[in-house]
Amino acid sequence: MNVHHLELFYYVARHGGISQAVRNMPYGIQQPAMSGQIIHLEEFLGVTLFQRRPFQLTAAGEDLYRFIGPFFSTSTARRTGCAAASRSRSAWARRNWCCEITAGVNLLL
């Protein structure tokens, strides 16, 4: 599982859709790229996370958003994004942080 995919989903859920998430990301990403990454995440998890039109989280999407919210809602992650925040950690801490998120998501879904 790619933690970046989870970060993108967090922004989509938080801002109510892909277009709004793209406008609020702390770093540049295009809408087609974000859509593709979300599709990869859904395929990996084997669930649909939200209905596209009108935007609405599915039950699995709501569960995932509640679970990952604390990981991505810190002021550092909000300002710089997960990728930049994780680069500032040691490789060991980054690996453990990613494993913790992955293990939790696997248990959740």
PDB file of N, CA and C in Angstrom:
ATOM      1  N   MET A   1       0.847  -1.178   0.000  1.00  0.00           N
ATOM      2  CA  MET A   1       0.000   0.000   0.000  1.00  0.00           C
ATOM      3  C   MET A   1       0.889   1.236   0.000  1.00  0.00           C
ATOM      4  N   ASN A   2       0.495   2.219  -0.758  1.00  0.00           N
ATOM      5  CA  ASN A   2       1.238   3.469  -0.860  1.00  0.00           C
ATOM      6  C   ASN A   2       0.593   4.501   0.080  1.00  0.00           C
ATOM      7  N   VAL A   3       1.371   4.990   1.029  1.00  0.00           N
ATOM      8  CA  VAL A   3       0.838   5.958   1.999  1.00  0.00           C
ATOM      9  C   VAL A   3       0.398   7.247   1.293  1.00  0.00           C
ATOM     10  N   HIS A   4       1.050   7.567   0.185  1.00  0.00           N
ATOM     11  CA  HIS A   4       0.652   8.749  -0.579  1.00  0.00           C
ATOM     12  C   HIS A   4      -0.798   8.627  -1.050  1.00  0.00           C
ATOM     13  N   HIS A   5      -1.224   7.422  -1.429  1.00  0.00           N
ATOM     14  CA  HIS A   5      -2.610   7.205  -1.842  1.00  0.00           C
ATOM     15  C   HIS A   5      -3.561   7.525  -0.696  1.00  0.00           C
ATOM     16  N   LEU A   6      -3.180   7.128   0.508  1.00  0.00           N
ATOM     17  CA  LEU A   6      -4.014   7.422   1.678  1.00  0.00           C
ATOM     18  C   LEU A   6      -4.094   8.922   1.929  1.00  0.00           C
ATOM     19  N   GLU A   7      -2.972   9.611   1.729  1.00  0.00           N
ATOM     20  CA  GLU A   7      -2.979  11.066   1.908  1.00  0.00           C
ATOM     21  C   GLU A   7      -3.923  11.726   0.908  1.00  0.00           C
ATOM     22  N   LEU A   8      -3.880  11.284  -0.333  1.00  0.00           N
ATOM     23  CA  LEU A   8      -4.773  11.851  -1.346  1.00  0.00           C
ATOM     24  C   LEU A   8      -6.228  11.586  -0.985  1.00  0.00           C
ATOM     25  N   PHE A   9      -6.525  10.359  -0.549  1.00  0.00           N
ATOM     26  CA  PHE A   9      -7.893  10.052  -0.136  1.00  0.00           C
ATOM     27  C   PHE A   9      -8.310  10.951   1.027  1.00  0.00           C
ATOM     28  N   TYR A  10      -7.410  11.176   1.971  1.00  0.00           N
ATOM     29  CA  TYR A  10      -7.716  12.049   3.110  1.00  0.00           C
ATOM     30  C   TYR A  10      -8.165  13.426   2.622  1.00  0.00           C
ATOM     31  N   TYR A  11      -7.433  14.000   1.663  1.00  0.00           N
ATOM     32  CA  TYR A  11      -7.790  15.323   1.149  1.00  0.00           C
ATOM     33  C   TYR A  11      -9.106  15.292   0.377  1.00  0.00           C
ATOM     34  N   VAL A  12      -9.355  14.224  -0.379  1.00  0.00           N
ATOM     35  CA  VAL A  12     -10.620  14.109  -1.113  1.00  0.00           C
ATOM     36  C   VAL A  12     -11.789  14.054  -0.131  1.00  0.00           C
ATOM     37  N   ALA A  13     -11.660  13.217   0.893  1.00  0.00           N
ATOM     38  CA  ALA A  13     -12.737  13.089   1.880  1.00  0.00           C
ATOM     39  C   ALA A  13     -12.907  14.382   2.671  1.00  0.00           C
ATOM     40  N   ARG A  14     -11.815  14.995   3.045  1.00  0.00           N
ATOM     41  CA  ARG A  14     -11.859  16.215   3.864  1.00  0.00           C
ATOM     42  C   ARG A  14     -12.499  17.379   3.114  1.00  0.00           C
ATOM     43  N   HIS A  15     -12.221  17.459   1.804  1.00  0.00           N
ATOM     44  CA  HIS A  15     -12.678  18.616   1.032  1.00  0.00           C
ATOM     45  C   HIS A  15     -13.901  18.321   0.158  1.00  0.00           C
ATOM     46  N   GLY A  16     -14.414  17.098   0.219  1.00  0.00           N
ATOM     47  CA  GLY A  16     -15.667  16.803  -0.461  1.00  0.00           C
ATOM     48  C   GLY A  16     -15.578  16.560  -1.946  1.00  0.00           C
ATOM     49  N   GLY A  17     -14.468  16.060  -2.419  1.00  0.00           N
ATOM     50  CA  GLY A  17     -14.340  15.723  -3.831  1.00  0.00           C
ATOM     51  C   GLY A  17     -12.934  15.938  -4.360  1.00  0.00           C
ATOM     52  N   ILE A  18     -12.687  15.382  -5.528  1.00  0.00           N
ATOM     53  CA  ILE A  18     -11.346  15.438  -6.108  1.00  0.00           C
ATOM     54  C   ILE A  18     -10.975  16.857  -6.533  1.00  0.00           C
ATOM     55  N   SER A  19     -11.878  17.563  -7.186  1.00  0.00           N
ATOM     56  CA  SER A  19     -11.570  18.934  -7.631  1.00  0.00           C
ATOM     57  C   SER A  19     -11.197  19.834  -6.457  1.00  0.00           C
ATOM     58  N   GLN A  20     -11.980  19.748  -5.393  1.00  0.00           N
ATOM     59  CA  GLN A  20     -11.711  20.569  -4.220  1.00  0.00           C
ATOM     60  C   GLN A  20     -10.411  20.144  -3.540  1.00  0.00           C
ATOM     61  N   ALA A  21     -10.140  18.842  -3.524  1.00  0.00           N
ATOM     62  CA  ALA A  21      -8.905  18.349  -2.911  1.00  0.00           C
ATOM     63  C   ALA A  21      -7.688  18.856  -3.665  1.00  0.00           C
ATOM     64  N   VAL A  22      -7.750  18.842  -5.000  1.00  0.00           N
ATOM     65  CA  VAL A  22      -6.633  19.332  -5.814  1.00  0.00           C
ATOM     66  C   VAL A  22      -6.336  20.791  -5.482  1.00  0.00           C
ATOM     67  N   ARG A  23      -7.368  21.587  -5.304  1.00  0.00           N
ATOM     68  CA  ARG A  23      -7.176  23.010  -4.990  1.00  0.00           C
ATOM     69  C   ARG A  23      -6.608  23.234  -3.591  1.00  0.00           C
ATOM     70  N   ASN A  24      -6.772  22.269  -2.700  1.00  0.00           N
ATOM     71  CA  ASN A  24      -6.335  22.437  -1.315  1.00  0.00           C
ATOM     72  C   ASN A  24      -5.091  21.640  -0.941  1.00  0.00           C
ATOM     73  N   MET A  25      -4.518  20.921  -1.884  1.00  0.00           N
ATOM     74  CA  MET A  25      -3.300  20.158  -1.591  1.00  0.00           C
ATOM     75  C   MET A  25      -2.155  21.127  -1.323  1.00  0.00           C
ATOM     76  N   PRO A  26      -1.283  20.800  -0.361  1.00  0.00           N
ATOM     77  CA  PRO A  26      -0.150  21.686  -0.066  1.00  0.00           C
ATOM     78  C   PRO A  26       0.957  21.606  -1.105  1.00  0.00           C
ATOM     79  N   TYR A  27       0.810  20.755  -2.101  1.00  0.00           N
ATOM     80  CA  TYR A  27       1.767  20.650  -3.204  1.00  0.00           C
ATOM     81  C   TYR A  27       0.972  20.395  -4.470  1.00  0.00           C
ATOM     82  N   GLY A  28       1.580  20.607  -5.602  1.00  0.00           N
ATOM     83  CA  GLY A  28       0.869  20.515  -6.867  1.00  0.00           C
ATOM     84  C   GLY A  28       0.589  19.088  -7.297  1.00  0.00           C
ATOM     85  N   ILE A  29      -0.632  18.863  -7.719  1.00  0.00           N
ATOM     86  CA  ILE A  29      -1.039  17.596  -8.334  1.00  0.00           C
ATOM     87  C   ILE A  29      -2.217  17.921  -9.238  1.00  0.00           C
ATOM     88  N   GLN A  30      -2.277  17.263 -10.369  1.00  0.00           N
ATOM     89  CA  GLN A  30      -3.362  17.485 -11.314  1.00  0.00           C
ATOM     90  C   GLN A  30      -4.521  16.539 -11.009  1.00  0.00           C
ATOM     91  N   GLN A  31      -5.713  16.949 -11.390  1.00  0.00           N
ATOM     92  CA  GLN A  31      -6.915  16.171 -11.116  1.00  0.00           C
ATOM     93  C   GLN A  31      -6.848  14.755 -11.701  1.00  0.00           C
ATOM     94  N   PRO A  32      -6.409  14.570 -12.966  1.00  0.00           N
ATOM     95  CA  PRO A  32      -6.341  13.201 -13.495  1.00  0.00           C
ATOM     96  C   PRO A  32      -5.378  12.306 -12.707  1.00  0.00           C
ATOM     97  N   ALA A  33      -4.278  12.867 -12.245  1.00  0.00           N
ATOM     98  CA  ALA A  33      -3.324  12.088 -11.456  1.00  0.00           C
ATOM     99  C   ALA A  33      -3.941  11.670 -10.131  1.00  0.00           C
ATOM    100  N   MET A  34      -4.638  12.593  -9.491  1.00  0.00           N
ATOM    101  CA  MET A  34      -5.271  12.270  -8.214  1.00  0.00           C
ATOM    102  C   MET A  34      -6.345  11.207  -8.420  1.00  0.00           C
ATOM    103  N   SER A  35      -7.158  11.345  -9.446  1.00  0.00           N
ATOM    104  CA  SER A  35      -8.199  10.351  -9.727  1.00  0.00           C
ATOM    105  C   SER A  35      -7.591   8.967  -9.925  1.00  0.00           C
ATOM    106  N   GLY A  36      -6.513   8.906 -10.686  1.00  0.00           N
ATOM    107  CA  GLY A  36      -5.845   7.632 -10.939  1.00  0.00           C
ATOM    108  C   GLY A  36      -5.306   7.002  -9.671  1.00  0.00           C
ATOM    109  N   GLN A  37      -4.741   7.810  -8.799  1.00  0.00           N
ATOM    110  CA  GLN A  37      -4.195   7.294  -7.544  1.00  0.00           C
ATOM    111  C   GLN A  37      -5.304   6.783  -6.632  1.00  0.00           C
ATOM    112  N   ILE A  38      -6.431   7.468  -6.613  1.00  0.00           N
ATOM    113  CA  ILE A  38      -7.565   7.023  -5.804  1.00  0.00           C
ATOM    114  C   ILE A  38      -8.092   5.692  -6.342  1.00  0.00           C
ATOM    115  N   ILE A  39      -8.157   5.564  -7.656  1.00  0.00           N
ATOM    116  CA  ILE A  39      -8.595   4.298  -8.263  1.00  0.00           C
ATOM    117  C   ILE A  39      -7.656   3.165  -7.875  1.00  0.00           C
ATOM    118  N   HIS A  40      -6.342   3.423  -7.888  1.00  0.00           N
ATOM    119  CA  HIS A  40      -5.370   2.405  -7.464  1.00  0.00           C
ATOM    120  C   HIS A  40      -5.620   1.992  -6.015  1.00  0.00           C
ATOM    121  N   LEU A  41      -5.887   2.964  -5.151  1.00  0.00           N
ATOM    122  CA  LEU A  41      -6.151   2.668  -3.748  1.00  0.00           C
ATOM    123  C   LEU A  41      -7.404   1.804  -3.612  1.00  0.00           C
ATOM    124  N   GLU A  42      -8.458   2.169  -4.312  1.00  0.00           N
ATOM    125  CA  GLU A  42      -9.691   1.386  -4.251  1.00  0.00           C
ATOM    126  C   GLU A  42      -9.469  -0.037  -4.762  1.00  0.00           C
ATOM    127  N   GLU A  43      -8.708  -0.178  -5.828  1.00  0.00           N
ATOM    128  CA  GLU A  43      -8.419  -1.515  -6.357  1.00  0.00           C
ATOM    129  C   GLU A  43      -7.605  -2.324  -5.359  1.00  0.00           C
ATOM    130  N   PHE A  44      -6.619  -1.687  -4.731  1.00  0.00           N
ATOM    131  CA  PHE A  44      -5.790  -2.380  -3.756  1.00  0.00           C
ATOM    132  C   PHE A  44      -6.629  -2.850  -2.569  1.00  0.00           C
ATOM    133  N   LEU A  45      -7.506  -1.978  -2.085  1.00  0.00           N
ATOM    134  CA  LEU A  45      -8.330  -2.303  -0.923  1.00  0.00           C
ATOM    135  C   LEU A  45      -9.520  -3.190  -1.270  1.00  0.00           C
ATOM    136  N   GLY A  46      -9.911  -3.183  -2.535  1.00  0.00           N
ATOM    137  CA  GLY A  46     -11.058  -3.982  -2.955  1.00  0.00           C
ATOM    138  C   GLY A  46     -12.398  -3.400  -2.541  1.00  0.00           C
ATOM    139  N   VAL A  47     -12.445  -2.087  -2.348  1.00  0.00           N
ATOM    140  CA  VAL A  47     -13.688  -1.416  -1.956  1.00  0.00           C
ATOM    141  C   VAL A  47     -13.822  -0.110  -2.727  1.00  0.00           C
ATOM    142  N   THR A  48     -15.048   0.377  -2.835  1.00  0.00           N
ATOM    143  CA  THR A  48     -15.301   1.714  -3.349  1.00  0.00           C
ATOM    144  C   THR A  48     -15.328   2.639  -2.151  1.00  0.00           C
ATOM    145  N   LEU A  49     -14.531   3.707  -2.191  1.00  0.00           N
ATOM    146  CA  LEU A  49     -14.408   4.600  -1.041  1.00  0.00           C
ATOM    147  C   LEU A  49     -15.424   5.739  -1.059  1.00  0.00           C
ATOM    148  N   PHE A  50     -15.857   6.149  -2.239  1.00  0.00           N
ATOM    149  CA  PHE A  50     -16.871   7.200  -2.311  1.00  0.00           C
ATOM    150  C   PHE A  50     -17.586   7.148  -3.643  1.00  0.00           C
ATOM    151  N   GLN A  51     -18.806   7.676  -3.628  1.00  0.00           N
ATOM    152  CA  GLN A  51     -19.572   7.848  -4.848  1.00  0.00           C
ATOM    153  C   GLN A  51     -19.103   9.149  -5.485  1.00  0.00           C
ATOM    154  N   ARG A  52     -18.899   9.136  -6.768  1.00  0.00           N
ATOM    155  CA  ARG A  52     -18.335  10.311  -7.441  1.00  0.00           C
ATOM    156  C   ARG A  52     -19.346  11.445  -7.592  1.00  0.00           C
ATOM    157  N   ARG A  53     -20.565  11.137  -8.089  1.00  0.00           N
ATOM    158  CA  ARG A  53     -21.547  12.200  -8.333  1.00  0.00           C
ATOM    159  C   ARG A  53     -22.899  11.792  -7.822  1.00  0.00           C
ATOM    160  N   PRO A  54     -23.454  12.457  -6.893  1.00  0.00           N
ATOM    161  CA  PRO A  54     -22.831  13.494  -6.080  1.00  0.00           C
ATOM    162  C   PRO A  54     -21.835  12.850  -5.106  1.00  0.00           C
ATOM    163  N   PHE A  55     -20.865  13.629  -4.686  1.00  0.00           N
ATOM    164  CA  PHE A  55     -19.831  13.091  -3.808  1.00  0.00           C
ATOM    165  C   PHE A  55     -20.442  12.645  -2.486  1.00  0.00           C
ATOM    166  N   GLN A  56     -20.113  11.412  -2.109  1.00  0.00           N
ATOM    167  CA  GLN A  56     -20.535  10.893  -0.801  1.00  0.00           C
ATOM    168  C   GLN A  56     -19.646   9.712  -0.457  1.00  0.00           C
ATOM    169  N   LEU A  57     -19.091   9.735   0.748  1.00  0.00           N
ATOM    170  CA  LEU A  57     -18.283   8.616   1.206  1.00  0.00           C
ATOM    171  C   LEU A  57     -19.164   7.391   1.385  1.00  0.00           C
ATOM    172  N   THR A  58     -18.636   6.228   1.017  1.00  0.00           N
ATOM    173  CA  THR A  58     -19.314   4.971   1.317  1.00  0.00           C
ATOM    174  C   THR A  58     -19.017   4.632   2.777  1.00  0.00           C
ATOM    175  N   ALA A  59     -19.619   3.572   3.274  1.00  0.00           N
ATOM    176  CA  ALA A  59     -19.348   3.149   4.655  1.00  0.00           C
ATOM    177  C   ALA A  59     -17.862   2.830   4.822  1.00  0.00           C
ATOM    178  N   ALA A  60     -17.260   2.159   3.831  1.00  0.00           N
ATOM    179  CA  ALA A  60     -15.829   1.846   3.897  1.00  0.00           C
ATOM    180  C   ALA A  60     -15.001   3.131   3.855  1.00  0.00           C
ATOM    181  N   GLY A  61     -15.419   4.091   3.052  1.00  0.00           N
ATOM    182  CA  GLY A  61     -14.723   5.375   2.969  1.00  0.00           C
ATOM    183  C   GLY A  61     -14.796   6.145   4.271  1.00  0.00           C
ATOM    184  N   GLU A  62     -15.951   6.124   4.907  1.00  0.00           N
ATOM    185  CA  GLU A  62     -16.093   6.803   6.201  1.00  0.00           C
ATOM    186  C   GLU A  62     -15.199   6.160   7.257  1.00  0.00           C
ATOM    187  N   ASP A  63     -15.169   4.821   7.272  1.00  0.00           N
ATOM    188  CA  ASP A  63     -14.313   4.113   8.232  1.00  0.00           C
ATOM    189  C   ASP A  63     -12.845   4.450   7.999  1.00  0.00           C
ATOM    190  N   LEU A  64     -12.432   4.431   6.741  1.00  0.00           N
ATOM    191  CA  LEU A  64     -11.039   4.723   6.423  1.00  0.00           C
ATOM    192  C   LEU A  64     -10.696   6.162   6.785  1.00  0.00           C
ATOM    193  N   TYR A  65     -11.571   7.099   6.470  1.00  0.00           N
ATOM    194  CA  TYR A  65     -11.311   8.512   6.778  1.00  0.00           C
ATOM    195  C   TYR A  65     -11.169   8.727   8.290  1.00  0.00           C
ATOM    196  N   ARG A  66     -12.042   8.110   9.063  1.00  0.00           N
ATOM    197  CA  ARG A  66     -11.935   8.228  10.527  1.00  0.00           C
ATOM    198  C   ARG A  66     -10.621   7.645  11.037  1.00  0.00           C
ATOM    199  N   PHE A  67     -10.195   6.547  10.430  1.00  0.00           N
ATOM    200  CA  PHE A  67      -8.967   5.899  10.887  1.00  0.00           C
ATOM    201  C   PHE A  67      -7.720   6.700  10.530  1.00  0.00           C
ATOM    202  N   ILE A  68      -7.632   7.201   9.289  1.00  0.00           N
ATOM    203  CA  ILE A  68      -6.401   7.879   8.858  1.00  0.00           C
ATOM    204  C   ILE A  68      -6.374   9.354   9.229  1.00  0.00           C
ATOM    205  N   GLY A  69      -7.523   9.922   9.598  1.00  0.00           N
ATOM    206  CA  GLY A  69      -7.582  11.344   9.944  1.00  0.00           C
ATOM    207  C   GLY A  69      -6.504  11.782  10.913  1.00  0.00           C
ATOM    208  N   PRO A  70      -6.323  11.081  12.042  1.00  0.00           N
ATOM    209  CA  PRO A  70      -5.292  11.508  12.998  1.00  0.00           C
ATOM    210  C   PRO A  70      -3.873  11.480  12.430  1.00  0.00           C
ATOM    211  N   PHE A  71      -3.607  10.598  11.458  1.00  0.00           N
ATOM    212  CA  PHE A  71      -2.276  10.517  10.879  1.00  0.00           C
ATOM    213  C   PHE A  71      -1.959  11.720   9.991  1.00  0.00           C
ATOM    214  N   PHE A  72      -2.984  12.268   9.345  1.00  0.00           N
ATOM    215  CA  PHE A  72      -2.761  13.338   8.375  1.00  0.00           C
ATOM    216  C   PHE A  72      -3.228  14.708   8.839  1.00  0.00           C
ATOM    217  N   SER A  73      -3.827  14.813   9.998  1.00  0.00           N
ATOM    218  CA  SER A  73      -4.371  16.096  10.419  1.00  0.00           C
ATOM    219  C   SER A  73      -3.412  16.910  11.280  1.00  0.00           C
ATOM    220  N   THR A  74      -2.198  16.446  11.481  1.00  0.00           N
ATOM    221  CA  THR A  74      -1.236  17.227  12.258  1.00  0.00           C
ATOM    222  C   THR A  74      -0.875  18.492  11.492  1.00  0.00           C
ATOM    223  N   SER A  75      -0.456  19.508  12.186  1.00  0.00           N
ATOM    224  CA  SER A  75      -0.135  20.770  11.516  1.00  0.00           C
ATOM    225  C   SER A  75       0.994  20.597  10.515  1.00  0.00           C
ATOM    226  N   THR A  76       1.984  19.741  10.801  1.00  0.00           N
ATOM    227  CA  THR A  76       3.087  19.522   9.863  1.00  0.00           C
ATOM    228  C   THR A  76       2.570  18.889   8.586  1.00  0.00           C
ATOM    229  N   ALA A  77       1.751  17.857   8.723  1.00  0.00           N
ATOM    230  CA  ALA A  77       1.225  17.190   7.536  1.00  0.00           C
ATOM    231  C   ALA A  77       0.328  18.129   6.751  1.00  0.00           C
ATOM    232  N   ARG A  78      -0.460  18.955   7.435  1.00  0.00           N
ATOM    233  CA  ARG A  78      -1.323  19.899   6.727  1.00  0.00           C
ATOM    234  C   ARG A  78      -0.509  20.916   5.951  1.00  0.00           C
ATOM    235  N   ARG A  79       0.575  21.394   6.540  1.00  0.00           N
ATOM    236  CA  ARG A  79       1.377  22.419   5.866  1.00  0.00           C
ATOM    237  C   ARG A  79       2.208  21.863   4.730  1.00  0.00           C
ATOM    238  N   THR A  80       2.790  20.695   4.903  1.00  0.00           N
ATOM    239  CA  THR A  80       3.785  20.218   3.947  1.00  0.00           C
ATOM    240  C   THR A  80       3.391  18.971   3.205  1.00  0.00           C
ATOM    241  N   GLY A  81       2.328  18.321   3.628  1.00  0.00           N
ATOM    242  CA  GLY A  81       1.931  17.079   2.993  1.00  0.00           C
ATOM    243  C   GLY A  81       2.664  15.904   3.620  1.00  0.00           C
ATOM    244  N   CYS A  82       2.064  14.754   3.489  1.00  0.00           N
ATOM    245  CA  CYS A  82       2.616  13.536   4.081  1.00  0.00           C
ATOM    246  C   CYS A  82       4.002  13.229   3.556  1.00  0.00           C
ATOM    247  N   ALA A  83       4.211  13.384   2.270  1.00  0.00           N
ATOM    248  CA  ALA A  83       5.512  13.029   1.694  1.00  0.00           C
ATOM    249  C   ALA A  83       6.627  13.859   2.304  1.00  0.00           C
ATOM    250  N   ALA A  84       6.427  15.162   2.389  1.00  0.00           N
ATOM    251  CA  ALA A  84       7.457  16.022   2.964  1.00  0.00           C
ATOM    252  C   ALA A  84       7.635  15.762   4.449  1.00  0.00           C
ATOM    253  N   ALA A  85       6.530  15.529   5.147  1.00  0.00           N
ATOM    254  CA  ALA A  85       6.620  15.245   6.583  1.00  0.00           C
ATOM    255  C   ALA A  85       7.376  13.957   6.823  1.00  0.00           C
ATOM    256  N   SER A  86       7.115  12.948   6.008  1.00  0.00           N
ATOM    257  CA  SER A  86       7.785  11.671   6.219  1.00  0.00           C
ATOM    258  C   SER A  86       9.258  11.738   5.834  1.00  0.00           C
ATOM    259  N   ARG A  87       9.642  12.611   4.893  1.00  0.00           N
ATOM    260  CA  ARG A  87      11.063  12.761   4.531  1.00  0.00           C
ATOM    261  C   ARG A  87      11.874  13.325   5.683  1.00  0.00           C
ATOM    262  N   SER A  88      11.232  14.095   6.557  1.00  0.00           N
ATOM    263  CA  SER A  88      11.965  14.702   7.656  1.00  0.00           C
ATOM    264  C   SER A  88      12.238  13.710   8.780  1.00  0.00           C
ATOM    265  N   ARG A  89      11.625  12.555   8.754  1.00  0.00           N
ATOM    266  CA  ARG A  89      11.836  11.529   9.763  1.00  0.00           C
ATOM    267  C   ARG A  89      12.992  10.635   9.342  1.00  0.00           C
ATOM    268  N   SER A  90      13.525   9.886  10.281  1.00  0.00           N
ATOM    269  CA  SER A  90      14.561   8.914   9.935  1.00  0.00           C
ATOM    270  C   SER A  90      13.925   7.808   9.102  1.00  0.00           C
ATOM    271  N   ALA A  91      14.744   7.081   8.358  1.00  0.00           N
ATOM    272  CA  ALA A  91      14.226   5.993   7.526  1.00  0.00           C
ATOM    273  C   ALA A  91      13.519   4.957   8.386  1.00  0.00           C
ATOM    274  N   TRP A  92      14.057   4.665   9.560  1.00  0.00           N
ATOM    275  CA  TRP A  92      13.450   3.684  10.456  1.00  0.00           C
ATOM    276  C   TRP A  92      12.080   4.160  10.924  1.00  0.00           C
ATOM    277  N   ALA A  93      11.997   5.411  11.365  1.00  0.00           N
ATOM    278  CA  ALA A  93      10.726   5.955  11.841  1.00  0.00           C
ATOM    279  C   ALA A  93       9.709   6.025  10.714  1.00  0.00           C
ATOM    280  N   ARG A  94      10.150   6.392   9.527  1.00  0.00           N
ATOM    281  CA  ARG A  94       9.251   6.486   8.373  1.00  0.00           C
ATOM    282  C   ARG A  94       8.684   5.109   8.031  1.00  0.00           C
ATOM    283  N   ARG A  95       9.545   4.082   8.039  1.00  0.00           N
ATOM    284  CA  ARG A  95       9.106   2.732   7.719  1.00  0.00           C
ATOM    285  C   ARG A  95       8.079   2.252   8.756  1.00  0.00           C
ATOM    286  N   ASN A  96       8.350   2.497  10.020  1.00  0.00           N
ATOM    287  CA  ASN A  96       7.428   2.070  11.073  1.00  0.00           C
ATOM    288  C   ASN A  96       6.109   2.821  10.994  1.00  0.00           C
ATOM    289  N   TRP A  97       6.167   4.118  10.681  1.00  0.00           N
ATOM    290  CA  TRP A  97       4.968   4.927  10.543  1.00  0.00           C
ATOM    291  C   TRP A  97       4.101   4.388   9.418  1.00  0.00           C
ATOM    292  N   CYS A  98       4.720   4.074   8.280  1.00  0.00           N
ATOM    293  CA  CYS A  98       3.980   3.535   7.139  1.00  0.00           C
ATOM    294  C   CYS A  98       3.421   2.155   7.454  1.00  0.00           C
ATOM    295  N   CYS A  99       4.182   1.320   8.157  1.00  0.00           N
ATOM    296  CA  CYS A  99       3.705  -0.017   8.533  1.00  0.00           C
ATOM    297  C   CYS A  99       2.524   0.082   9.488  1.00  0.00           C
ATOM    298  N   GLU A 100       2.574   1.033  10.400  1.00  0.00           N
ATOM    299  CA  GLU A 100       1.480   1.216  11.357  1.00  0.00           C
ATOM    300  C   GLU A 100       0.191   1.581  10.633  1.00  0.00           C
ATOM    301  N   ILE A 101       0.277   2.497   9.690  1.00  0.00           N
ATOM    302  CA  ILE A 101      -0.913   2.893   8.924  1.00  0.00           C
ATOM    303  C   ILE A 101      -1.430   1.715   8.127  1.00  0.00           C
ATOM    304  N   THR A 102      -0.528   1.016   7.426  1.00  0.00           N
ATOM    305  CA  THR A 102      -0.928  -0.115   6.589  1.00  0.00           C
ATOM    306  C   THR A 102      -1.589  -1.212   7.410  1.00  0.00           C
ATOM    307  N   ALA A 103      -1.001  -1.550   8.545  1.00  0.00           N
ATOM    308  CA  ALA A 103      -1.575  -2.593   9.402  1.00  0.00           C
ATOM    309  C   ALA A 103      -2.955  -2.184   9.895  1.00  0.00           C
ATOM    310  N   GLY A 104      -3.096  -0.932  10.282  1.00  0.00           N
ATOM    311  CA  GLY A 104      -4.393  -0.456  10.756  1.00  0.00           C
ATOM    312  C   GLY A 104      -5.448  -0.486   9.680  1.00  0.00           C
ATOM    313  N   VAL A 105      -5.090  -0.073   8.475  1.00  0.00           N
ATOM    314  CA  VAL A 105      -6.059  -0.092   7.353  1.00  0.00           C
ATOM    315  C   VAL A 105      -6.456  -1.526   7.038  1.00  0.00           C
ATOM    316  N   ASN A 106      -5.496  -2.439   7.047  1.00  0.00           N
ATOM    317  CA  ASN A 106      -5.824  -3.843   6.760  1.00  0.00           C
ATOM    318  C   ASN A 106      -6.775  -4.408   7.806  1.00  0.00           C
ATOM    319  N   LEU A 107      -6.600  -4.049   9.059  1.00  0.00           N
ATOM    320  CA  LEU A 107      -7.507  -4.507  10.104  1.00  0.00           C
ATOM    321  C   LEU A 107      -8.889  -3.878   9.962  1.00  0.00           C
ATOM    322  N   LEU A 108      -8.895  -2.600   9.573  1.00  0.00           N
ATOM    323  CA  LEU A 108     -10.137  -1.852   9.451  1.00  0.00           C
ATOM    324  C   LEU A 108     -11.025  -2.422   8.354  1.00  0.00           C
ATOM    325  N   LEU A 109     -10.420  -2.704   7.205  1.00  0.00           N
ATOM    326  CA  LEU A 109     -11.207  -3.160   6.063  1.00  0.00           C
ATOM    327  C   LEU A 109     -11.159  -4.664   5.969  1.00  0.00           C
TER     328      LEU A 109
END
